[in-house]
Protein backbone atom coordinates (compact mmCIF):
# COMPACT_ATOMS: atom_id res chain seq x y z
CA UNK A 1 0.08 3.15 -23.68
CA UNK A 2 4.34 2.44 -23.46
CA UNK A 3 4.92 -0.79 -21.20
CA UNK A 4 9.45 -0.73 -20.58
CA UNK A 5 10.24 -4.33 -19.08
CA UNK A 6 13.04 -5.16 -17.23
CA UNK A 7 15.43 -3.06 -15.67
CA UNK A 8 15.87 -2.38 -11.82
CA UNK A 9 14.42 -0.93 -9.03
CA UNK A 10 17.37 1.47 -8.84
CA UNK A 11 17.19 2.64 -12.19
CA UNK A 12 13.46 2.82 -12.83
CA UNK A 13 12.79 6.35 -12.12
CA UNK A 14 16.19 7.51 -15.01
CA UNK A 15 14.91 4.80 -17.02
CA UNK A 16 11.27 6.30 -17.06
CA UNK A 17 12.62 9.98 -17.56
CA UNK A 18 14.46 8.13 -20.75
CA UNK A 19 11.33 6.82 -22.16
CA UNK A 20 9.60 10.37 -21.86
CA UNK A 21 12.56 11.89 -23.76
CA UNK A 22 11.98 10.23 -26.64
CA UNK A 23 8.21 11.35 -25.95
CA UNK A 24 8.63 14.43 -26.45
CA UNK A 25 11.06 14.23 -29.32
CA UNK A 26 7.87 13.06 -31.06
CA UNK A 27 5.31 15.46 -29.33
CA UNK A 28 7.15 18.47 -28.12
CA UNK A 29 8.93 19.03 -24.85
CA UNK A 30 7.05 19.20 -21.75
CA UNK A 31 8.02 20.05 -18.42
CA UNK A 32 11.41 19.71 -16.77
CA UNK A 33 12.10 16.71 -14.96
CA UNK A 34 10.86 16.47 -11.20
CA UNK A 35 11.42 12.72 -9.73
CA UNK A 36 14.73 13.09 -9.25
CA UNK A 37 13.83 15.36 -6.05
CA UNK A 38 10.39 13.72 -5.58
CA UNK A 39 9.67 11.88 -2.40
CA UNK A 40 7.29 8.85 -2.83
CA UNK A 41 4.40 9.17 -0.88
CA UNK A 42 5.00 8.36 2.82
CA UNK A 43 8.79 8.85 2.44
CA UNK A 44 8.98 12.15 3.65
CA UNK A 45 12.09 11.10 5.80
CA UNK A 46 15.84 11.13 5.16
CA UNK A 47 16.94 7.32 3.64
CA UNK A 48 18.72 6.87 7.01
CA UNK A 49 16.00 7.51 9.34
CA UNK A 50 13.54 4.74 8.82
CA UNK A 51 14.78 3.06 12.40
CA UNK A 52 14.20 6.64 13.98
CA UNK A 53 11.00 7.03 12.06
CA UNK A 54 9.75 3.32 13.16
CA UNK A 55 10.83 4.46 16.84
CA UNK A 56 8.20 7.28 16.20
CA UNK A 57 5.53 5.98 15.23
CA UNK A 58 5.92 2.69 17.78
CA UNK A 59 6.20 5.70 21.02
CA UNK A 60 3.30 7.35 19.03
CA UNK A 61 1.01 3.86 19.34
CA UNK A 62 3.01 2.24 22.31
CA UNK A 63 0.14 -0.12 22.67
CA UNK A 64 0.64 -1.64 19.48
CA UNK A 65 3.39 -4.77 18.85
CA UNK A 66 6.48 -3.46 17.65
CA UNK A 67 6.69 -5.92 15.18
CA UNK A 68 3.12 -4.24 13.46
CA UNK A 69 4.09 -0.36 13.48
CA UNK A 70 8.09 -1.70 12.52
CA UNK A 71 6.11 -3.48 8.96
CA UNK A 72 3.42 -0.53 8.40
CA UNK A 73 6.37 2.22 8.54
CA UNK A 74 8.27 -0.12 5.97
CA UNK A 75 5.10 -0.36 3.69
CA UNK A 76 3.66 3.10 4.43
CA UNK A 77 5.96 5.24 6.32
CA UNK A 78 4.68 8.24 7.40
CA UNK A 79 1.31 7.24 5.61
CA UNK A 80 1.52 4.87 8.60
CA UNK A 81 -0.33 7.61 10.89
CA UNK A 82 -2.85 7.95 8.38
CA UNK A 83 -3.58 4.10 8.39
CA UNK A 84 -3.77 3.99 12.14
CA UNK A 85 -5.55 6.85 13.36
CA UNK A 86 -6.88 7.15 16.41
CA UNK A 87 -5.98 3.35 17.50
CA UNK A 88 -4.29 3.17 20.31
CA UNK A 89 -4.88 -0.88 20.87
CA UNK A 90 -4.93 -3.89 18.78
CA UNK A 91 -8.70 -4.07 19.46
CA UNK A 92 -9.30 -0.64 17.84
CA UNK A 93 -7.48 -1.78 14.52
CA UNK A 94 -10.91 -3.92 13.49
CA UNK A 95 -11.54 -7.27 12.70
CA UNK A 96 -8.05 -9.47 12.45
CA UNK A 97 -7.71 -11.59 8.91
CA UNK A 98 -4.79 -13.30 9.99
CA UNK A 99 -0.58 -12.50 10.69
CA UNK A 100 -0.67 -8.85 11.39
CA UNK A 101 -3.54 -7.54 9.31
CA UNK A 102 -6.46 -5.82 10.61
CA UNK A 103 -10.06 -3.96 8.60
CA UNK A 104 -7.92 -0.77 9.08
CA UNK A 105 -5.20 -1.29 6.89
CA UNK A 106 -7.86 -3.09 4.57
CA UNK A 107 -10.00 -0.12 4.42
CA UNK A 108 -7.13 2.00 4.14
CA UNK A 109 -6.39 0.16 1.18
CA UNK A 110 -9.14 0.17 -0.26
CA UNK A 111 -9.79 3.49 -0.04
CA UNK A 112 -6.49 4.71 -1.01
CA UNK A 113 -4.43 1.99 -3.02
CA UNK A 114 -6.92 1.01 -5.30
CA UNK A 115 -7.26 -2.76 -3.53
CA UNK A 116 -10.15 -4.97 -4.64
CA UNK A 117 -9.33 -8.54 -3.94
CA UNK A 118 -7.58 -10.58 -1.27
CA UNK A 119 -4.88 -11.22 -4.12
CA UNK A 120 -4.88 -7.93 -4.19
CA UNK A 121 -3.77 -7.23 -0.48
CA UNK A 122 -2.36 -10.54 0.47
CA UNK A 123 0.29 -10.26 -2.38
CA UNK A 124 0.39 -6.91 -4.77
CA UNK A 125 0.40 -4.77 -1.64
CA UNK A 126 1.55 -6.48 1.83
CA UNK A 127 3.19 -9.96 0.57
CA UNK A 128 1.09 -11.33 3.56
CA UNK A 129 -0.12 -14.42 1.55
CA UNK A 130 2.92 -15.56 2.83
CA UNK A 131 2.21 -15.95 6.37
CA UNK A 132 -1.92 -16.54 6.17
CA UNK A 133 -4.14 -19.51 6.63
CA UNK A 134 -6.78 -20.31 3.50
CA UNK A 135 -9.30 -19.82 6.26
CA UNK A 136 -8.51 -16.37 6.80
CA UNK A 137 -8.72 -15.66 2.88
CA UNK A 138 -12.10 -16.48 3.04
CA UNK A 139 -12.67 -14.38 6.17
CA UNK A 140 -10.95 -11.77 4.07
CA UNK A 141 -12.59 -12.14 0.93
CA UNK A 142 -16.29 -12.10 2.95
CA UNK A 143 -15.13 -8.98 4.41
CA UNK A 144 -14.11 -7.13 1.18
CA UNK A 145 -17.58 -8.99 -0.29
CA UNK A 146 -19.35 -7.12 2.52
CA UNK A 147 -17.76 -3.52 2.57
CA UNK A 148 -18.17 -3.31 -1.32
CA UNK A 149 -22.09 -4.31 -1.10
CA UNK A 150 -22.33 -1.50 1.61
CA UNK A 151 -20.85 1.38 -0.09
CA UNK A 152 -22.39 0.73 -2.99
CA UNK A 153 -19.32 -0.04 -5.63
CA UNK A 154 -20.29 -3.77 -5.48
CA UNK A 155 -20.34 -3.87 -8.82
CA UNK A 156 -17.38 -2.46 -10.24
CA UNK A 157 -16.01 -4.63 -7.63
CA UNK A 158 -17.38 -7.97 -9.40
CA UNK A 159 -15.76 -7.23 -12.35
CA UNK A 160 -12.26 -6.75 -10.79
CA UNK A 161 -12.62 -9.57 -8.65
CA UNK A 162 -13.91 -12.05 -11.82
CA UNK A 163 -10.46 -11.12 -13.48
CA UNK A 164 -8.65 -12.65 -10.24
């Protein structure tokens, strides 16, 4: 396992490639570098097209608040459509957990981004912990506990949850 501390977000790709170049000196050459042209998940639009992508999402989900569709585009890019699915109005998003966090986003984070706890969702993935009330956190924790109990992953969830 290799841990790299420090560096900037803008140089992280190149830093990772440098580390792998050193590893190749020991283990032998692998595949050519590919990350320079790779797009992050949901980042399949031009670098200066964020506003246009936000407008498209809001047009397709026009009954949802603009602030919500903008936040979802900022966090998930084009994957926001996967998260929203067939939702057309606020009631289609499921249970509300404060700020503009709804069950459909929580479910997406659990299913696709390995979120297991309220801390994962509110601080590591969305930063909505800055805007929710303590009672919202409790409601989210209960939802996650019920969800994992229903889908049979309770044992793994409990082990991870106990680390928070």
